[in-house]
């Protein structure tokens, strides 16, 4: 049986995977934000919705 997965499903799976990995390290969202240079609000939105723009991933440094 053919199963089609859409982009939204893939992004949500990626977000859940990143959230689980972050949690397994014992990191808070703020810890990941500090380490990565990505705004904590961007990480929160990504983990919640699975949606992020490339501009959201660029660091402000």
N, C-alpha and C. Protein backbone atom coordinates (compact mmCIF):
# COMPACT_ATOMS: atom_id res chain seq x y z
N UNK A 1 0.84 -1.18 0.00
CA UNK A 1 0.00 0.00 0.00
C UNK A 1 0.89 1.24 0.00
N UNK A 2 0.56 2.18 -0.82
CA UNK A 2 1.31 3.42 -0.95
C UNK A 2 0.87 4.40 0.12
N UNK A 3 1.83 4.96 0.81
CA UNK A 3 1.54 5.94 1.84
C UNK A 3 2.25 7.24 1.49
N UNK A 4 1.49 8.30 1.38
CA UNK A 4 2.07 9.60 1.08
C UNK A 4 2.17 10.42 2.35
N UNK A 5 3.34 10.95 2.59
CA UNK A 5 3.56 11.79 3.75
C UNK A 5 3.77 13.21 3.23
N UNK A 6 3.04 14.14 3.80
CA UNK A 6 3.18 15.51 3.31
C UNK A 6 4.28 16.25 4.08
N UNK A 7 4.62 17.42 3.57
CA UNK A 7 5.70 18.22 4.15
C UNK A 7 5.42 18.56 5.62
N UNK A 8 4.19 18.87 5.93
CA UNK A 8 3.83 19.22 7.30
C UNK A 8 4.08 18.06 8.26
N UNK A 9 3.75 16.85 7.84
CA UNK A 9 4.00 15.66 8.66
C UNK A 9 5.49 15.45 8.90
N UNK A 10 6.28 15.65 7.86
CA UNK A 10 7.73 15.48 7.97
C UNK A 10 8.30 16.50 8.94
N UNK A 11 7.90 17.77 8.80
CA UNK A 11 8.40 18.81 9.68
C UNK A 11 8.00 18.57 11.13
N UNK A 12 6.79 18.09 11.35
CA UNK A 12 6.35 17.80 12.72
C UNK A 12 7.16 16.64 13.29
N UNK A 13 7.47 15.64 12.48
CA UNK A 13 8.30 14.52 12.93
C UNK A 13 9.71 15.01 13.30
N UNK A 14 10.26 15.90 12.48
CA UNK A 14 11.59 16.45 12.76
C UNK A 14 11.55 17.23 14.07
N UNK A 15 10.54 18.07 14.25
CA UNK A 15 10.40 18.86 15.48
C UNK A 15 10.29 17.96 16.71
N UNK A 16 9.50 16.91 16.61
CA UNK A 16 9.35 15.98 17.74
C UNK A 16 10.67 15.27 18.04
N UNK A 17 11.40 14.93 17.01
CA UNK A 17 12.68 14.26 17.19
C UNK A 17 13.69 15.18 17.87
N UNK A 18 13.73 16.42 17.44
CA UNK A 18 14.64 17.39 18.05
C UNK A 18 14.25 17.65 19.50
N UNK A 19 12.96 17.80 19.76
CA UNK A 19 12.49 18.03 21.12
C UNK A 19 12.87 16.84 22.02
N UNK A 20 12.68 15.63 21.53
CA UNK A 20 13.01 14.43 22.31
C UNK A 20 14.51 14.35 22.58
N UNK A 21 15.31 14.67 21.58
CA UNK A 21 16.77 14.62 21.75
C UNK A 21 17.22 15.68 22.76
N UNK A 22 16.66 16.89 22.63
CA UNK A 22 16.99 17.96 23.58
C UNK A 22 16.65 17.52 25.00
N UNK A 23 15.47 16.96 25.17
CA UNK A 23 15.03 16.52 26.50
C UNK A 23 15.91 15.39 27.03
N UNK A 24 16.34 14.49 26.14
CA UNK A 24 17.19 13.37 26.59
C UNK A 24 18.54 13.86 27.09
N UNK A 25 18.97 15.03 26.61
CA UNK A 25 20.21 15.63 27.08
C UNK A 25 20.02 16.40 28.38
N UNK A 26 18.75 16.58 28.76
CA UNK A 26 18.45 17.35 29.95
C UNK A 26 18.52 18.84 29.72
N UNK A 27 18.46 19.24 28.45
CA UNK A 27 18.54 20.66 28.10
C UNK A 27 17.17 21.30 28.09
N UNK A 28 17.11 22.51 28.58
CA UNK A 28 15.91 23.34 28.43
C UNK A 28 15.98 23.99 27.05
N UNK A 29 14.86 24.52 26.59
CA UNK A 29 14.87 25.24 25.32
C UNK A 29 15.86 26.40 25.37
N UNK A 30 15.95 27.05 26.52
CA UNK A 30 16.88 28.17 26.66
C UNK A 30 18.32 27.71 26.50
N UNK A 31 18.65 26.51 27.00
CA UNK A 31 20.01 25.97 26.85
C UNK A 31 20.35 25.79 25.37
N UNK A 32 19.42 25.21 24.62
CA UNK A 32 19.65 25.01 23.19
C UNK A 32 19.75 26.34 22.47
N UNK A 33 18.91 27.29 22.83
CA UNK A 33 18.96 28.62 22.22
C UNK A 33 20.32 29.27 22.46
N UNK A 34 20.79 29.19 23.70
CA UNK A 34 22.09 29.78 24.03
C UNK A 34 23.22 29.14 23.25
N UNK A 35 23.17 27.82 23.12
CA UNK A 35 24.22 27.07 22.45
C UNK A 35 24.20 27.28 20.93
N UNK A 36 23.01 27.38 20.37
CA UNK A 36 22.87 27.43 18.91
C UNK A 36 22.83 28.84 18.33
N UNK A 37 22.49 29.82 19.17
CA UNK A 37 22.37 31.17 18.66
C UNK A 37 21.02 31.44 18.02
N UNK A 38 20.10 30.49 18.12
CA UNK A 38 18.74 30.64 17.60
C UNK A 38 17.86 31.16 18.74
N UNK A 39 17.01 32.11 18.46
CA UNK A 39 16.16 32.69 19.50
C UNK A 39 15.28 31.61 20.13
N UNK A 40 15.11 31.69 21.45
CA UNK A 40 14.30 30.71 22.16
C UNK A 40 12.86 30.72 21.65
N UNK A 41 12.34 31.87 21.28
CA UNK A 41 10.98 31.93 20.74
C UNK A 41 10.87 31.14 19.44
N UNK A 42 11.92 31.18 18.64
CA UNK A 42 11.95 30.41 17.38
C UNK A 42 11.95 28.92 17.67
N UNK A 43 12.77 28.50 18.64
CA UNK A 43 12.80 27.08 19.02
C UNK A 43 11.46 26.62 19.57
N UNK A 44 10.85 27.44 20.41
CA UNK A 44 9.53 27.08 20.97
C UNK A 44 8.50 26.90 19.85
N UNK A 45 8.49 27.84 18.94
CA UNK A 45 7.53 27.77 17.83
C UNK A 45 7.79 26.52 16.99
N UNK A 46 9.06 26.25 16.71
CA UNK A 46 9.39 25.07 15.91
C UNK A 46 8.98 23.79 16.61
N UNK A 47 9.29 23.66 17.89
CA UNK A 47 8.92 22.44 18.61
C UNK A 47 7.41 22.28 18.71
N UNK A 48 6.69 23.38 18.77
CA UNK A 48 5.23 23.32 18.90
C UNK A 48 4.56 23.03 17.55
N UNK A 49 5.04 23.66 16.48
CA UNK A 49 4.33 23.59 15.20
C UNK A 49 5.06 22.80 14.12
N UNK A 50 6.37 22.65 14.28
CA UNK A 50 7.16 21.99 13.24
C UNK A 50 7.47 22.91 12.08
N UNK A 51 7.13 24.18 12.22
CA UNK A 51 7.34 25.13 11.12
C UNK A 51 8.42 26.14 11.49
N UNK A 52 9.29 26.37 10.54
CA UNK A 52 10.34 27.36 10.75
C UNK A 52 10.83 27.84 9.39
N UNK A 53 11.16 29.10 9.31
CA UNK A 53 11.73 29.64 8.09
C UNK A 53 13.25 29.60 8.17
N UNK A 54 13.90 29.63 7.05
CA UNK A 54 15.36 29.62 7.06
C UNK A 54 15.90 30.84 7.78
N UNK A 55 15.21 31.96 7.70
CA UNK A 55 15.66 33.15 8.42
C UNK A 55 15.62 32.92 9.92
N UNK A 56 14.68 32.12 10.39
CA UNK A 56 14.59 31.83 11.82
C UNK A 56 15.76 31.02 12.33
N UNK A 57 16.43 30.31 11.45
CA UNK A 57 17.55 29.49 11.85
C UNK A 57 18.88 30.23 11.82
N UNK A 58 18.91 31.39 11.20
CA UNK A 58 20.17 32.12 11.13
C UNK A 58 20.46 32.77 12.47
N UNK A 59 21.70 32.71 12.87
CA UNK A 59 22.05 33.31 14.15
C UNK A 59 22.24 34.81 13.96
N UNK A 60 22.08 35.53 15.03
CA UNK A 60 22.20 36.98 14.96
C UNK A 60 23.61 37.46 15.22
N UNK A 61 24.57 36.55 15.20
CA UNK A 61 25.96 36.95 15.48
C UNK A 61 26.67 37.46 14.26
